[in-house]
N, C-alpha and C. Protein backbone atom coordinates (compact mmCIF):
# COMPACT_ATOMS: atom_id res chain seq x y z
N UNK A 1 -27.38 0.73 51.40
CA UNK A 1 -27.64 1.75 50.38
C UNK A 1 -26.36 2.49 50.00
N UNK A 2 -25.61 2.86 51.02
CA UNK A 2 -24.34 3.55 50.77
C UNK A 2 -23.39 2.62 50.02
N UNK A 3 -23.39 1.35 50.34
CA UNK A 3 -22.52 0.41 49.63
C UNK A 3 -22.90 0.30 48.17
N UNK A 4 -24.22 0.32 47.88
CA UNK A 4 -24.69 0.23 46.49
C UNK A 4 -24.25 1.46 45.72
N UNK A 5 -24.39 2.65 46.33
CA UNK A 5 -23.97 3.88 45.66
C UNK A 5 -22.47 3.87 45.37
N UNK A 6 -21.70 3.44 46.35
CA UNK A 6 -20.25 3.38 46.16
C UNK A 6 -19.88 2.43 45.03
N UNK A 7 -20.58 1.29 44.98
CA UNK A 7 -20.32 0.31 43.91
C UNK A 7 -20.62 0.92 42.56
N UNK A 8 -21.77 1.64 42.44
CA UNK A 8 -22.15 2.25 41.17
C UNK A 8 -21.15 3.33 40.74
N UNK A 9 -20.65 4.10 41.69
CA UNK A 9 -19.65 5.13 41.39
C UNK A 9 -18.38 4.50 40.86
N UNK A 10 -17.91 3.46 41.53
CA UNK A 10 -16.70 2.77 41.09
C UNK A 10 -16.89 2.13 39.73
N UNK A 11 -18.08 1.58 39.48
CA UNK A 11 -18.37 0.98 38.18
C UNK A 11 -18.34 2.04 37.08
N UNK A 12 -18.90 3.22 37.36
CA UNK A 12 -18.89 4.31 36.36
C UNK A 12 -17.48 4.76 36.06
N UNK A 13 -16.64 4.85 37.08
CA UNK A 13 -15.24 5.28 36.87
C UNK A 13 -14.51 4.26 36.02
N UNK A 14 -14.76 2.97 36.26
CA UNK A 14 -14.09 1.92 35.49
C UNK A 14 -14.51 1.96 34.03
N UNK A 15 -15.81 2.20 33.77
CA UNK A 15 -16.29 2.27 32.39
C UNK A 15 -15.69 3.44 31.66
N UNK A 16 -15.69 4.61 32.33
CA UNK A 16 -15.10 5.81 31.70
C UNK A 16 -13.63 5.60 31.42
N UNK A 17 -12.91 4.99 32.38
CA UNK A 17 -11.48 4.77 32.18
C UNK A 17 -11.20 3.86 31.01
N UNK A 18 -11.99 2.78 30.90
CA UNK A 18 -11.76 1.86 29.78
C UNK A 18 -12.09 2.50 28.46
N UNK A 19 -13.10 3.38 28.43
CA UNK A 19 -13.46 4.08 27.18
C UNK A 19 -12.36 5.03 26.75
N UNK A 20 -11.82 5.77 27.70
CA UNK A 20 -10.73 6.71 27.38
C UNK A 20 -9.49 5.96 26.91
N UNK A 21 -9.22 4.82 27.55
CA UNK A 21 -8.04 4.04 27.14
C UNK A 21 -8.20 3.53 25.72
N UNK A 22 -9.43 3.10 25.37
CA UNK A 22 -9.66 2.60 24.02
C UNK A 22 -9.53 3.71 23.00
N UNK A 23 -9.98 4.94 23.35
CA UNK A 23 -9.87 6.06 22.42
C UNK A 23 -8.45 6.50 22.22
N UNK A 24 -7.60 6.37 23.25
CA UNK A 24 -6.23 6.83 23.14
C UNK A 24 -5.27 5.77 22.66
N UNK A 25 -5.76 4.53 22.50
CA UNK A 25 -4.86 3.45 22.07
C UNK A 25 -4.40 3.70 20.66
N UNK A 26 -3.11 3.51 20.36
CA UNK A 26 -2.59 3.75 19.03
C UNK A 26 -3.10 2.72 18.03
N UNK A 27 -3.27 3.15 16.80
CA UNK A 27 -3.69 2.25 15.74
C UNK A 27 -2.50 1.45 15.26
N UNK A 28 -2.68 0.14 15.11
CA UNK A 28 -1.59 -0.72 14.66
C UNK A 28 -2.02 -1.45 13.41
N UNK A 29 -1.04 -2.12 12.77
CA UNK A 29 -1.35 -2.92 11.59
C UNK A 29 -1.36 -2.08 10.35
N UNK A 30 -1.85 -2.65 9.23
CA UNK A 30 -1.84 -1.96 7.95
C UNK A 30 -2.57 -0.63 7.97
N UNK A 31 -3.67 -0.55 8.73
CA UNK A 31 -4.46 0.68 8.74
C UNK A 31 -3.69 1.84 9.36
N UNK A 32 -2.68 1.53 10.22
CA UNK A 32 -1.88 2.61 10.77
C UNK A 32 -1.12 3.32 9.67
N UNK A 33 -0.60 2.55 8.69
CA UNK A 33 0.10 3.14 7.57
C UNK A 33 -0.82 3.95 6.68
N UNK A 34 -2.09 3.54 6.61
CA UNK A 34 -3.03 4.23 5.72
C UNK A 34 -3.34 5.63 6.23
N UNK A 35 -2.98 5.94 7.48
CA UNK A 35 -3.19 7.28 7.97
C UNK A 35 -2.19 8.27 7.37
N UNK A 36 -1.23 7.80 6.60
CA UNK A 36 -0.37 8.70 5.89
C UNK A 36 0.99 8.93 6.54
N UNK A 37 1.42 8.03 7.42
CA UNK A 37 2.72 8.17 8.06
C UNK A 37 3.80 7.88 7.03
N UNK A 38 4.71 8.83 6.86
CA UNK A 38 5.80 8.67 5.91
C UNK A 38 6.97 7.90 6.53
N UNK A 39 7.62 7.08 5.72
CA UNK A 39 8.80 6.33 6.14
C UNK A 39 9.94 6.63 5.17
N UNK A 40 11.20 6.38 5.60
CA UNK A 40 12.31 6.51 4.66
C UNK A 40 12.09 5.66 3.42
N UNK A 41 12.35 6.23 2.27
CA UNK A 41 12.13 5.54 1.01
C UNK A 41 10.85 5.99 0.32
N UNK A 42 9.89 6.50 1.11
CA UNK A 42 8.65 7.01 0.51
C UNK A 42 8.93 8.27 -0.30
N UNK A 43 7.94 8.64 -1.09
CA UNK A 43 8.04 9.84 -1.91
C UNK A 43 6.91 10.80 -1.57
N UNK A 44 7.19 12.08 -1.70
CA UNK A 44 6.15 13.10 -1.64
C UNK A 44 6.08 13.77 -3.00
N UNK A 45 4.93 13.64 -3.64
CA UNK A 45 4.71 14.31 -4.92
C UNK A 45 4.15 15.70 -4.63
N UNK A 46 4.92 16.71 -4.92
CA UNK A 46 4.55 18.10 -4.61
C UNK A 46 4.17 18.82 -5.90
N UNK A 47 2.99 19.39 -5.92
CA UNK A 47 2.53 20.17 -7.07
C UNK A 47 2.19 21.59 -6.60
N UNK A 48 2.95 22.55 -7.10
CA UNK A 48 2.70 23.95 -6.78
C UNK A 48 2.23 24.64 -8.06
N UNK A 49 1.06 25.19 -8.02
CA UNK A 49 0.44 25.79 -9.21
C UNK A 49 1.32 26.87 -9.81
N UNK A 50 1.58 26.72 -11.12
CA UNK A 50 2.38 27.65 -11.90
C UNK A 50 3.85 27.71 -11.44
N UNK A 51 4.30 26.69 -10.73
CA UNK A 51 5.70 26.65 -10.28
C UNK A 51 6.29 25.27 -10.60
N UNK A 52 6.49 24.95 -11.90
CA UNK A 52 7.03 23.62 -12.25
C UNK A 52 8.43 23.37 -11.71
N UNK A 53 9.22 24.42 -11.54
CA UNK A 53 10.59 24.25 -11.04
C UNK A 53 10.61 23.83 -9.56
N UNK A 54 9.55 24.14 -8.84
CA UNK A 54 9.47 23.78 -7.43
C UNK A 54 8.69 22.49 -7.21
N UNK A 55 8.01 22.04 -8.23
CA UNK A 55 7.19 20.82 -8.13
C UNK A 55 8.02 19.59 -8.48
N UNK A 56 7.53 18.42 -8.10
CA UNK A 56 8.23 17.17 -8.42
C UNK A 56 8.00 16.12 -7.34
N UNK A 57 8.72 15.01 -7.48
CA UNK A 57 8.66 13.93 -6.50
C UNK A 57 9.95 13.94 -5.68
N UNK A 58 9.80 13.95 -4.37
CA UNK A 58 10.95 14.07 -3.47
C UNK A 58 10.95 12.93 -2.46
N UNK A 59 12.12 12.29 -2.32
CA UNK A 59 12.22 11.08 -1.51
C UNK A 59 12.56 11.39 -0.06
N UNK A 60 11.96 10.59 0.83
CA UNK A 60 12.28 10.71 2.26
C UNK A 60 13.61 9.98 2.52
N UNK A 61 14.58 10.71 3.06
CA UNK A 61 15.90 10.12 3.32
C UNK A 61 15.86 9.31 4.63
N UNK A 62 16.94 8.58 4.88
CA UNK A 62 17.03 7.76 6.09
C UNK A 62 16.89 8.58 7.36
N UNK A 63 17.24 9.87 7.26
CA UNK A 63 17.13 10.76 8.42
C UNK A 63 15.69 11.18 8.69
N UNK A 64 14.78 10.79 7.80
CA UNK A 64 13.37 11.21 7.95
C UNK A 64 13.11 12.58 7.35
N UNK A 65 14.07 13.11 6.59
CA UNK A 65 13.94 14.45 6.02
C UNK A 65 13.79 14.40 4.49
N UNK A 66 13.19 15.44 3.96
CA UNK A 66 13.13 15.68 2.53
C UNK A 66 13.74 17.05 2.27
N UNK A 67 14.55 17.13 1.23
CA UNK A 67 15.13 18.41 0.84
C UNK A 67 14.24 19.00 -0.25
N UNK A 68 13.46 20.01 0.11
CA UNK A 68 12.56 20.67 -0.81
C UNK A 68 13.26 21.89 -1.45
N UNK A 69 12.95 22.21 -2.71
CA UNK A 69 13.54 23.40 -3.35
C UNK A 69 13.24 24.66 -2.55
N UNK A 70 14.24 25.47 -2.40
CA UNK A 70 14.20 26.75 -1.67
C UNK A 70 14.10 26.58 -0.16
N UNK A 71 13.33 25.58 0.30
CA UNK A 71 13.13 25.41 1.74
C UNK A 71 14.31 24.71 2.40
N UNK A 72 14.83 23.68 1.72
CA UNK A 72 15.92 22.89 2.29
C UNK A 72 15.36 21.71 3.06
N UNK A 73 16.15 21.11 3.98
CA UNK A 73 15.73 19.90 4.70
C UNK A 73 14.54 20.17 5.60
N UNK A 74 13.57 19.24 5.55
CA UNK A 74 12.39 19.33 6.41
C UNK A 74 12.07 17.94 6.90
N UNK A 75 11.98 17.75 8.20
CA UNK A 75 11.65 16.44 8.77
C UNK A 75 10.16 16.18 8.56
N UNK A 76 9.84 15.08 7.91
CA UNK A 76 8.45 14.83 7.51
C UNK A 76 7.85 13.60 8.17
N UNK A 77 8.67 12.73 8.77
CA UNK A 77 8.16 11.47 9.29
C UNK A 77 7.31 11.66 10.55
N UNK A 78 7.29 12.86 11.10
CA UNK A 78 6.46 13.12 12.28
C UNK A 78 5.21 13.90 11.92
N UNK A 79 5.00 14.15 10.62
CA UNK A 79 3.88 15.01 10.20
C UNK A 79 2.80 14.19 9.49
N UNK A 80 1.57 14.54 9.74
CA UNK A 80 0.46 13.96 8.97
C UNK A 80 0.43 14.66 7.61
N UNK A 81 -0.25 14.09 6.62
CA UNK A 81 -0.33 14.76 5.30
C UNK A 81 -0.87 16.18 5.41
N UNK A 82 -1.90 16.38 6.24
CA UNK A 82 -2.47 17.72 6.36
C UNK A 82 -1.48 18.69 7.02
N UNK A 83 -0.78 18.21 8.04
CA UNK A 83 0.23 19.06 8.70
C UNK A 83 1.37 19.39 7.75
N UNK A 84 1.78 18.41 6.95
CA UNK A 84 2.85 18.64 5.99
C UNK A 84 2.44 19.69 4.97
N UNK A 85 1.22 19.60 4.47
CA UNK A 85 0.75 20.56 3.48
C UNK A 85 0.73 21.98 4.05
N UNK A 86 0.25 22.11 5.29
CA UNK A 86 0.21 23.44 5.92
C UNK A 86 1.62 23.97 6.18
N UNK A 87 2.53 23.07 6.56
CA UNK A 87 3.93 23.48 6.78
C UNK A 87 4.55 23.99 5.48
N UNK A 88 4.29 23.28 4.38
CA UNK A 88 4.82 23.70 3.09
C UNK A 88 4.17 25.01 2.62
N UNK A 89 2.89 25.16 2.88
CA UNK A 89 2.22 26.42 2.54
C UNK A 89 2.86 27.60 3.26
N UNK A 90 3.10 27.44 4.55
CA UNK A 90 3.73 28.51 5.32
C UNK A 90 5.14 28.81 4.81
N UNK A 91 5.90 27.74 4.52
CA UNK A 91 7.28 27.91 4.08
C UNK A 91 7.36 28.59 2.72
N UNK A 92 6.52 28.15 1.79
CA UNK A 92 6.58 28.73 0.44
C UNK A 92 5.91 30.08 0.33
N UNK A 93 5.10 30.43 1.34
CA UNK A 93 4.49 31.76 1.36
C UNK A 93 5.53 32.87 1.49
N UNK A 94 6.71 32.48 1.98
CA UNK A 94 7.82 33.46 2.10
C UNK A 94 8.31 33.85 0.72
N UNK A 95 8.24 32.92 -0.26
CA UNK A 95 8.77 33.17 -1.60
C UNK A 95 7.66 33.42 -2.63
N UNK A 96 6.46 32.88 -2.38
CA UNK A 96 5.38 32.97 -3.36
C UNK A 96 4.17 33.67 -2.76
N UNK A 97 3.41 34.30 -3.63
CA UNK A 97 2.21 34.98 -3.17
C UNK A 97 1.01 34.04 -3.30
N UNK A 98 0.36 33.74 -2.19
CA UNK A 98 -0.80 32.86 -2.15
C UNK A 98 -0.55 31.55 -2.92
N UNK A 99 0.44 30.78 -2.51
CA UNK A 99 0.72 29.53 -3.24
C UNK A 99 -0.41 28.52 -3.12
N UNK A 100 -0.65 27.79 -4.19
CA UNK A 100 -1.63 26.69 -4.19
C UNK A 100 -0.84 25.39 -4.27
N UNK A 101 -0.95 24.57 -3.23
CA UNK A 101 -0.10 23.38 -3.09
C UNK A 101 -0.96 22.12 -2.94
N UNK A 102 -0.55 21.09 -3.66
CA UNK A 102 -1.14 19.76 -3.50
C UNK A 102 -0.01 18.77 -3.25
N UNK A 103 -0.24 17.83 -2.33
CA UNK A 103 0.77 16.78 -2.08
C UNK A 103 0.11 15.42 -2.16
N UNK A 104 0.89 14.45 -2.63
CA UNK A 104 0.46 13.05 -2.69
C UNK A 104 1.57 12.19 -2.11
N UNK A 105 1.24 11.33 -1.19
CA UNK A 105 2.23 10.44 -0.59
C UNK A 105 2.33 9.17 -1.41
N UNK A 106 3.55 8.78 -1.77
CA UNK A 106 3.78 7.62 -2.62
C UNK A 106 4.74 6.65 -1.96
N UNK A 107 4.59 5.37 -2.29
CA UNK A 107 5.52 4.34 -1.82
C UNK A 107 6.24 3.76 -3.04
N UNK A 108 7.51 3.48 -2.90
CA UNK A 108 8.32 2.92 -4.00
C UNK A 108 8.35 1.42 -3.84
N UNK A 109 7.67 0.73 -4.75
CA UNK A 109 7.47 -0.73 -4.63
C UNK A 109 8.00 -1.42 -5.87
N UNK A 110 8.69 -2.54 -5.66
CA UNK A 110 9.13 -3.37 -6.77
C UNK A 110 8.02 -4.34 -7.15
N UNK A 111 7.63 -4.30 -8.40
CA UNK A 111 6.61 -5.24 -8.91
C UNK A 111 7.35 -6.27 -9.75
N UNK A 112 7.37 -7.51 -9.29
CA UNK A 112 8.17 -8.55 -9.92
C UNK A 112 7.32 -9.80 -10.21
N UNK A 113 7.94 -10.75 -10.87
CA UNK A 113 7.26 -12.00 -11.18
C UNK A 113 6.68 -11.99 -12.57
N UNK A 114 5.50 -12.56 -12.71
CA UNK A 114 4.88 -12.72 -14.03
C UNK A 114 4.13 -11.46 -14.45
N UNK A 115 4.91 -10.36 -14.63
CA UNK A 115 4.35 -9.12 -15.15
C UNK A 115 5.16 -8.72 -16.39
N UNK A 116 4.57 -7.90 -17.23
CA UNK A 116 5.21 -7.56 -18.51
C UNK A 116 6.42 -6.64 -18.33
N UNK A 117 6.35 -5.71 -17.39
CA UNK A 117 7.44 -4.73 -17.20
C UNK A 117 7.84 -4.68 -15.72
N UNK A 118 8.52 -5.71 -15.21
CA UNK A 118 8.93 -5.68 -13.81
C UNK A 118 9.86 -4.51 -13.53
N UNK A 119 9.72 -3.94 -12.35
CA UNK A 119 10.58 -2.81 -11.98
C UNK A 119 10.08 -2.11 -10.74
N UNK A 120 10.67 -0.95 -10.49
CA UNK A 120 10.37 -0.14 -9.29
C UNK A 120 9.37 0.95 -9.69
N UNK A 121 8.26 1.05 -8.95
CA UNK A 121 7.21 1.98 -9.31
C UNK A 121 6.75 2.78 -8.08
N UNK A 122 6.47 4.09 -8.28
CA UNK A 122 5.83 4.87 -7.20
C UNK A 122 4.36 4.51 -7.15
N UNK A 123 3.87 4.25 -5.95
CA UNK A 123 2.51 3.75 -5.79
C UNK A 123 1.74 4.62 -4.81
N UNK A 124 0.57 5.07 -5.22
CA UNK A 124 -0.33 5.82 -4.36
C UNK A 124 -1.06 4.83 -3.46
N UNK A 125 -1.07 5.06 -2.13
CA UNK A 125 -1.74 4.10 -1.23
C UNK A 125 -3.23 3.91 -1.52
N UNK A 126 -3.85 4.86 -2.23
CA UNK A 126 -5.27 4.70 -2.54
C UNK A 126 -5.50 3.75 -3.73
N UNK A 127 -4.43 3.38 -4.43
CA UNK A 127 -4.54 2.46 -5.56
C UNK A 127 -4.85 1.05 -5.07
N UNK A 128 -5.47 0.25 -5.95
CA UNK A 128 -5.68 -1.16 -5.65
C UNK A 128 -4.47 -1.94 -6.16
N UNK A 129 -4.36 -3.20 -5.75
CA UNK A 129 -3.27 -4.03 -6.24
C UNK A 129 -3.38 -4.24 -7.75
N UNK A 130 -4.60 -4.26 -8.26
CA UNK A 130 -4.78 -4.37 -9.72
C UNK A 130 -4.20 -3.14 -10.41
N UNK A 131 -4.36 -1.96 -9.81
CA UNK A 131 -3.78 -0.74 -10.38
C UNK A 131 -2.25 -0.81 -10.39
N UNK A 132 -1.69 -1.36 -9.32
CA UNK A 132 -0.23 -1.49 -9.22
C UNK A 132 0.28 -2.43 -10.32
N UNK A 133 -0.37 -3.54 -10.51
CA UNK A 133 0.03 -4.48 -11.55
C UNK A 133 -0.09 -3.82 -12.93
N UNK A 134 -1.11 -3.00 -13.11
CA UNK A 134 -1.30 -2.30 -14.39
C UNK A 134 -0.13 -1.36 -14.68
N UNK A 135 0.44 -0.74 -13.63
CA UNK A 135 1.59 0.13 -13.82
C UNK A 135 2.79 -0.65 -14.39
N UNK A 136 2.84 -1.95 -14.06
CA UNK A 136 3.93 -2.79 -14.55
C UNK A 136 3.55 -3.48 -15.86
N UNK A 137 2.57 -2.94 -16.54
CA UNK A 137 2.16 -3.48 -17.85
C UNK A 137 1.18 -4.63 -17.78
N UNK A 138 0.72 -4.95 -16.57
CA UNK A 138 -0.23 -6.05 -16.42
C UNK A 138 0.48 -7.39 -16.31
N UNK A 139 -0.27 -8.38 -15.95
CA UNK A 139 0.28 -9.73 -15.81
C UNK A 139 0.50 -10.38 -17.17
N UNK A 140 1.47 -11.26 -17.25
CA UNK A 140 1.69 -12.04 -18.46
C UNK A 140 0.61 -13.12 -18.54
N UNK A 141 0.48 -13.79 -19.70
CA UNK A 141 -0.51 -14.88 -19.79
C UNK A 141 -0.29 -15.98 -18.75
N UNK A 142 0.95 -16.12 -18.27
CA UNK A 142 1.24 -17.13 -17.27
C UNK A 142 0.97 -16.66 -15.85
N UNK A 143 0.72 -15.36 -15.67
CA UNK A 143 0.57 -14.79 -14.33
C UNK A 143 -0.71 -15.19 -13.63
N UNK A 144 -0.59 -15.42 -12.33
CA UNK A 144 -1.74 -15.77 -11.51
C UNK A 144 -2.22 -14.50 -10.80
N UNK A 145 -3.20 -13.83 -11.38
CA UNK A 145 -3.67 -12.55 -10.82
C UNK A 145 -4.59 -12.75 -9.63
N UNK A 146 -4.82 -14.00 -9.23
CA UNK A 146 -5.64 -14.25 -8.06
C UNK A 146 -4.78 -14.51 -6.82
N UNK A 147 -3.47 -14.42 -7.01
CA UNK A 147 -2.56 -14.67 -5.89
C UNK A 147 -1.44 -13.62 -5.90
N UNK A 148 -1.22 -12.99 -4.77
CA UNK A 148 -0.17 -11.98 -4.63
C UNK A 148 0.75 -12.37 -3.48
N UNK A 149 2.03 -12.20 -3.69
CA UNK A 149 3.02 -12.47 -2.63
C UNK A 149 3.71 -11.16 -2.26
N UNK A 150 3.76 -10.89 -0.97
CA UNK A 150 4.44 -9.69 -0.46
C UNK A 150 5.75 -10.12 0.17
N UNK A 151 6.86 -9.57 -0.35
CA UNK A 151 8.18 -9.95 0.12
C UNK A 151 8.91 -8.72 0.65
N UNK A 152 9.57 -8.91 1.78
CA UNK A 152 10.37 -7.85 2.40
C UNK A 152 11.75 -8.43 2.70
N UNK A 153 12.70 -8.18 1.77
CA UNK A 153 13.99 -8.81 1.88
C UNK A 153 13.84 -10.32 1.65
N UNK A 154 14.33 -11.11 2.62
CA UNK A 154 14.19 -12.56 2.51
C UNK A 154 12.92 -13.07 3.17
N UNK A 155 12.14 -12.15 3.71
CA UNK A 155 10.93 -12.53 4.44
C UNK A 155 9.71 -12.47 3.52
N UNK A 156 8.85 -13.44 3.66
CA UNK A 156 7.58 -13.44 2.95
C UNK A 156 6.47 -13.15 3.95
N UNK A 157 5.71 -12.11 3.67
CA UNK A 157 4.64 -11.71 4.57
C UNK A 157 3.36 -12.39 4.12
N UNK A 158 2.86 -13.27 4.96
CA UNK A 158 1.68 -14.06 4.60
C UNK A 158 0.42 -13.26 4.93
N UNK A 159 -0.40 -13.03 3.93
CA UNK A 159 -1.67 -12.35 4.09
C UNK A 159 -2.51 -12.64 2.85
N UNK A 160 -3.79 -12.48 2.98
CA UNK A 160 -4.69 -12.74 1.85
C UNK A 160 -5.10 -11.42 1.23
N UNK A 161 -4.73 -11.21 -0.04
CA UNK A 161 -5.11 -10.00 -0.75
C UNK A 161 -5.89 -10.39 -2.00
N UNK A 162 -6.68 -9.46 -2.49
CA UNK A 162 -7.35 -9.63 -3.78
C UNK A 162 -6.94 -8.47 -4.68
N UNK A 163 -7.32 -8.54 -5.93
CA UNK A 163 -6.99 -7.48 -6.87
C UNK A 163 -7.60 -6.15 -6.45
N UNK A 164 -8.70 -6.21 -5.71
CA UNK A 164 -9.41 -4.98 -5.30
C UNK A 164 -8.90 -4.43 -3.97
N UNK A 165 -7.94 -5.12 -3.33
CA UNK A 165 -7.39 -4.62 -2.06
C UNK A 165 -6.59 -3.35 -2.28
N UNK A 166 -6.85 -2.33 -1.49
CA UNK A 166 -6.08 -1.08 -1.59
C UNK A 166 -4.69 -1.26 -0.98
N UNK A 167 -3.72 -0.56 -1.53
CA UNK A 167 -2.36 -0.61 -1.00
C UNK A 167 -2.36 -0.18 0.47
N UNK A 168 -3.18 0.81 0.81
CA UNK A 168 -3.23 1.31 2.18
C UNK A 168 -3.72 0.26 3.16
N UNK A 169 -4.43 -0.75 2.66
CA UNK A 169 -4.96 -1.81 3.52
C UNK A 169 -4.06 -3.03 3.57
N UNK A 170 -2.82 -2.87 3.10
CA UNK A 170 -1.83 -3.94 3.14
C UNK A 170 -0.60 -3.45 3.94
N UNK A 171 0.30 -4.33 4.34
CA UNK A 171 1.52 -3.90 5.03
C UNK A 171 2.58 -3.37 4.07
N UNK A 172 2.26 -3.17 2.80
CA UNK A 172 3.24 -2.82 1.78
C UNK A 172 3.93 -1.50 2.12
N UNK A 173 5.28 -1.54 2.13
CA UNK A 173 6.11 -0.36 2.41
C UNK A 173 7.07 -0.11 1.24
N UNK A 174 7.66 1.07 1.24
CA UNK A 174 8.69 1.34 0.24
C UNK A 174 9.83 0.34 0.41
N UNK A 175 10.30 -0.20 -0.75
CA UNK A 175 11.37 -1.19 -0.72
C UNK A 175 10.85 -2.61 -0.74
N UNK A 176 9.55 -2.81 -0.48
CA UNK A 176 8.98 -4.15 -0.53
C UNK A 176 8.81 -4.60 -1.97
N UNK A 177 8.56 -5.89 -2.13
CA UNK A 177 8.31 -6.48 -3.44
C UNK A 177 6.90 -7.04 -3.49
N UNK A 178 6.19 -6.69 -4.54
CA UNK A 178 4.89 -7.30 -4.81
C UNK A 178 5.14 -8.29 -5.94
N UNK A 179 5.03 -9.57 -5.61
CA UNK A 179 5.42 -10.64 -6.54
C UNK A 179 4.18 -11.35 -7.07
N UNK A 180 4.08 -11.47 -8.40
CA UNK A 180 3.00 -12.19 -9.03
C UNK A 180 3.52 -13.55 -9.50
N UNK A 181 3.08 -14.63 -8.89
CA UNK A 181 3.57 -15.97 -9.27
C UNK A 181 2.93 -16.42 -10.59
N UNK A 182 3.51 -17.44 -11.17
CA UNK A 182 2.91 -18.03 -12.37
C UNK A 182 1.83 -19.03 -11.98
N UNK A 183 0.89 -19.20 -12.87
CA UNK A 183 -0.14 -20.22 -12.66
C UNK A 183 0.48 -21.61 -12.73
N UNK A 184 -0.17 -22.58 -12.15
CA UNK A 184 0.35 -23.94 -12.18
C UNK A 184 0.42 -24.47 -13.61
N UNK A 185 1.27 -25.48 -13.80
CA UNK A 185 1.43 -26.04 -15.14
C UNK A 185 0.10 -26.57 -15.67
N UNK A 186 -0.68 -27.18 -14.80
CA UNK A 186 -1.94 -27.78 -15.23
C UNK A 186 -2.93 -26.71 -15.68
N UNK A 187 -2.99 -25.57 -14.92
CA UNK A 187 -3.94 -24.52 -15.30
C UNK A 187 -3.50 -23.83 -16.59
N UNK A 188 -2.17 -23.82 -16.83
CA UNK A 188 -1.68 -23.19 -18.06
C UNK A 188 -1.77 -24.13 -19.26
N UNK A 189 -1.94 -25.41 -19.00
CA UNK A 189 -1.99 -26.40 -20.08
C UNK A 189 -3.23 -27.29 -19.93
N UNK A 190 -4.34 -26.67 -19.67
CA UNK A 190 -5.56 -27.42 -19.46
C UNK A 190 -5.97 -28.21 -20.70
N UNK A 191 -5.48 -27.74 -21.86
CA UNK A 191 -5.81 -28.45 -23.11
C UNK A 191 -5.26 -29.88 -23.09
N UNK A 192 -4.13 -30.07 -22.37
CA UNK A 192 -3.56 -31.42 -22.29
C UNK A 192 -4.53 -32.35 -21.58
N UNK A 193 -5.11 -31.86 -20.47
CA UNK A 193 -6.07 -32.67 -19.72
C UNK A 193 -7.30 -32.96 -20.57
N UNK A 194 -7.80 -31.91 -21.29
CA UNK A 194 -8.97 -32.10 -22.13
C UNK A 194 -8.68 -33.12 -23.23
N UNK A 195 -7.50 -33.00 -23.86
CA UNK A 195 -7.14 -33.93 -24.92
C UNK A 195 -7.01 -35.35 -24.38
N UNK A 196 -6.42 -35.46 -23.19
CA UNK A 196 -6.27 -36.78 -22.59
C UNK A 196 -7.61 -37.42 -22.28
N UNK A 197 -8.55 -36.62 -21.74
CA UNK A 197 -9.86 -37.15 -21.45
C UNK A 197 -10.61 -37.55 -22.72
N UNK A 198 -10.44 -36.75 -23.76
CA UNK A 198 -11.10 -37.07 -25.03
C UNK A 198 -10.56 -38.37 -25.60
N UNK A 199 -9.22 -38.53 -25.54
CA UNK A 199 -8.61 -39.76 -26.05
C UNK A 199 -9.06 -40.98 -25.25
N UNK A 200 -9.12 -40.82 -23.93
CA UNK A 200 -9.56 -41.92 -23.08
C UNK A 200 -11.00 -42.31 -23.38
N UNK A 201 -11.84 -41.27 -23.55
CA UNK A 201 -13.24 -41.52 -23.88
C UNK A 201 -13.38 -42.27 -25.19
N UNK A 202 -12.56 -41.86 -26.17
CA UNK A 202 -12.61 -42.52 -27.48
C UNK A 202 -12.23 -43.98 -27.38
N UNK A 203 -11.21 -44.27 -26.58
CA UNK A 203 -10.75 -45.64 -26.39
C UNK A 203 -11.84 -46.48 -25.73
N UNK A 204 -12.47 -45.93 -24.71
CA UNK A 204 -13.52 -46.66 -23.98
C UNK A 204 -14.69 -46.96 -24.91
N UNK A 205 -15.08 -45.96 -25.70
CA UNK A 205 -16.20 -46.13 -26.62
C UNK A 205 -15.87 -47.22 -27.65
N UNK A 206 -14.61 -47.18 -28.16
CA UNK A 206 -14.19 -48.18 -29.15
C UNK A 206 -14.21 -49.59 -28.55
N UNK A 207 -13.81 -49.72 -27.28
CA UNK A 207 -13.77 -51.04 -26.64
C UNK A 207 -15.17 -51.57 -26.41
N UNK A 208 -16.10 -50.67 -26.06
CA UNK A 208 -17.46 -51.10 -25.75
C UNK A 208 -18.28 -51.48 -26.98
N UNK A 209 -17.83 -51.07 -28.14
CA UNK A 209 -18.57 -51.37 -29.36
C UNK A 209 -18.47 -52.85 -29.71
């Protein structure tokens, strides 16, 4: 009986320990970025009500800091979006009376390939990949909007995305490239195949007559 009780106690301790370990385990992968962790190259869009001179988009430097108007350098890579907003509220309360502040975290992404206006764009992580392509003027008639390539320097990150995939649910970081490839020659020139089949059919019909 005592052995059974001891076994049950040890089993309970093991279950509790594994549960606590699972709760404390850090989040990894694309969803970790979706929690709002800022990296060098990212932007913070700051909007202070009735203060256009203090509002704007500010880039995270390699040091992990942003230089905000009046406040000066502030390390932001260790702050969550909510913590950053409260920090800015406290800092600007020294200069402003009851400031109203909104912040949006943005990533600077190059949209390249078969798009109308390739270039560097600030991207909100809540946007879909279709929204990002729209910022670049949309895909060209040759663009394959069912296929997206994510490039980081010379590396190609293999993953399956759709137009409805949110940026926050991808590994996309500031400085990365979102590349839209062109459709295959056959899909872009399907009329050639149709014409060829029609001609072949005509020949067969003529022979059989």
